[in-house]
C-alpha atoms as a PDB file:
ATOM      1  CA  MET A   1      16.025  10.060 -38.385  1.00  0.00           C
ATOM      2  CA  ILE A   2      16.487   8.640 -41.856  1.00  0.00           C
ATOM      3  CA  PRO A   3      19.070   5.891 -42.369  1.00  0.00           C
ATOM      4  CA  ILE A   4      21.539   7.299 -44.862  1.00  0.00           C
ATOM      5  CA  GLY A   5      21.403   4.101 -46.939  1.00  0.00           C
ATOM      6  CA  ASN A   6      17.836   5.035 -47.897  1.00  0.00           C
ATOM      7  CA  ASP A   7      18.802   8.618 -48.567  1.00  0.00           C
ATOM      8  CA  LEU A   8      21.927   8.504 -50.736  1.00  0.00           C
ATOM      9  CA  PRO A   9      20.556  10.758 -53.493  1.00  0.00           C
ATOM     10  CA  LYS A  10      19.724  13.374 -50.857  1.00  0.00           C
ATOM     11  CA  ALA A  11      23.224  13.070 -49.385  1.00  0.00           C
ATOM     12  CA  VAL A  12      24.769  13.632 -52.818  1.00  0.00           C
ATOM     13  CA  MET A  13      22.516  16.621 -53.497  1.00  0.00           C
ATOM     14  CA  LEU A  14      23.273  18.137 -50.084  1.00  0.00           C
ATOM     15  CA  THR A  15      26.985  17.720 -50.746  1.00  0.00           C
ATOM     16  CA  LEU A  16      26.633  19.395 -54.130  1.00  0.00           C
ATOM     17  CA  ALA A  17      24.689  22.184 -52.396  1.00  0.00           C
ATOM     18  CA  GLY A  18      27.717  22.821 -50.204  1.00  0.00           C
ATOM     19  CA  LEU A  19      26.883  21.096 -46.924  1.00  0.00           C
ATOM     20  CA  THR A  20      29.711  19.347 -45.143  1.00  0.00           C
ATOM     21  CA  GLN A  21      29.588  15.648 -44.467  1.00  0.00           C
ATOM     22  CA  LYS A  22      29.113  16.444 -40.779  1.00  0.00           C
ATOM     23  CA  GLU A  23      26.116  18.664 -41.550  1.00  0.00           C
ATOM     24  CA  ILE A  24      24.626  15.941 -43.726  1.00  0.00           C
ATOM     25  CA  GLY A  25      25.213  13.359 -41.000  1.00  0.00           C
ATOM     26  CA  ASP A  26      23.473  15.605 -38.486  1.00  0.00           C
ATOM     27  CA  ARG A  27      20.488  15.953 -40.824  1.00  0.00           C
ATOM     28  CA  VAL A  28      20.094  12.255 -41.523  1.00  0.00           C
ATOM     29  CA  GLY A  29      21.108  11.032 -38.085  1.00  0.00           C
ATOM     30  CA  THR A  30      24.469   9.391 -38.743  1.00  0.00           C
ATOM     31  CA  SER A  31      28.160  10.163 -38.402  1.00  0.00           C
ATOM     32  CA  GLN A  32      30.387  12.102 -40.799  1.00  0.00           C
ATOM     33  CA  SER A  33      32.438   8.977 -41.419  1.00  0.00           C
ATOM     34  CA  ALA A  34      29.305   7.028 -42.392  1.00  0.00           C
ATOM     35  CA  VAL A  35      28.358   9.787 -44.834  1.00  0.00           C
ATOM     36  CA  SER A  36      31.867   9.722 -46.319  1.00  0.00           C
ATOM     37  CA  TYR A  37      31.839   5.933 -46.682  1.00  0.00           C
ATOM     38  CA  ARG A  38      28.457   5.896 -48.364  1.00  0.00           C
ATOM     39  CA  LEU A  39      29.235   8.806 -50.685  1.00  0.00           C
ATOM     40  CA  ARG A  40      32.252   6.875 -51.971  1.00  0.00           C
ATOM     41  CA  GLY A  41      29.865   4.081 -52.919  1.00  0.00           C
ATOM     42  CA  THR A  42      27.762   6.442 -55.043  1.00  0.00           C
ATOM     43  CA  GLY A  43      30.579   7.423 -57.370  1.00  0.00           C
ATOM     44  CA  TYR A  44      30.511  10.918 -55.912  1.00  0.00           C
ATOM     45  CA  ASP A  45      34.275  11.241 -56.342  1.00  0.00           C
ATOM     46  CA  ILE A  46      33.771  10.965 -60.106  1.00  0.00           C
ATOM     47  CA  ILE A  47      31.039  13.602 -59.975  1.00  0.00           C
ATOM     48  CA  GLN A  48      33.439  15.925 -58.128  1.00  0.00           C
ATOM     49  CA  LYS A  49      36.146  15.399 -60.758  1.00  0.00           C
ATOM     50  CA  ILE A  50      33.722  16.147 -63.589  1.00  0.00           C
ATOM     51  CA  ILE A  51      32.475  19.303 -61.876  1.00  0.00           C
ATOM     52  CA  GLU A  52      36.040  20.487 -61.255  1.00  0.00           C
ATOM     53  CA  TRP A  53      36.949  19.837 -64.910  1.00  0.00           C
ATOM     54  CA  TYR A  54      33.995  21.946 -66.078  1.00  0.00           C
ATOM     55  CA  ARG A  55      34.929  24.708 -63.636  1.00  0.00           C
ATOM     56  CA  SER A  56      38.500  24.729 -64.948  1.00  0.00           C
ATOM     57  CA  GLN A  57      37.206  24.935 -68.525  1.00  0.00           C
ATOM     58  CA  ILE A  58      34.965  27.856 -67.601  1.00  0.00           C
ATOM     59  CA  ARG A  59      37.833  29.673 -65.840  1.00  0.00           C
ATOM     60  CA  GLU A  60      40.067  29.107 -68.839  1.00  0.00           C
ATOM     61  CA  ARG A  61      37.489  30.365 -71.303  1.00  0.00           C
ATOM     62  CA  VAL A  62      36.609  33.386 -69.178  1.00  0.00           C
ATOM     63  CA  GLY A  63      40.318  34.203 -68.954  1.00  0.00           C
ATOM     64  CA  LEU A  64      40.645  33.977 -72.730  1.00  0.00           C
ATOM     65  CA  ALA A  65      37.569  36.159 -73.237  1.00  0.00           C
ATOM     66  CA  GLU A  66      38.932  38.784 -70.844  1.00  0.00           C
ATOM     67  CA  LYS A  67      42.215  38.888 -72.797  1.00  0.00           C
ATOM     68  CA  ILE A  68      40.308  39.368 -76.062  1.00  0.00           C
ATOM     69  CA  ASP A  69      38.211  42.179 -74.559  1.00  0.00           C
ATOM     70  CA  ALA A  70      41.265  43.961 -73.113  1.00  0.00           C
END
């Protein structure tokens, strides 16, 4: 088992890949709450906000393009 403190980049990447915090904890041998606590320390919440902003921009632009094509 890998202590999650030594594997934060992997935890972030696994989260971005869609794994739950519980699944990540199972992989690295720690609890979901420990994964959550450590992800907060990585600035992951900011990464999530940026990704959601880009997704909203894409949805908006796709919607506009569909209206133009209609």
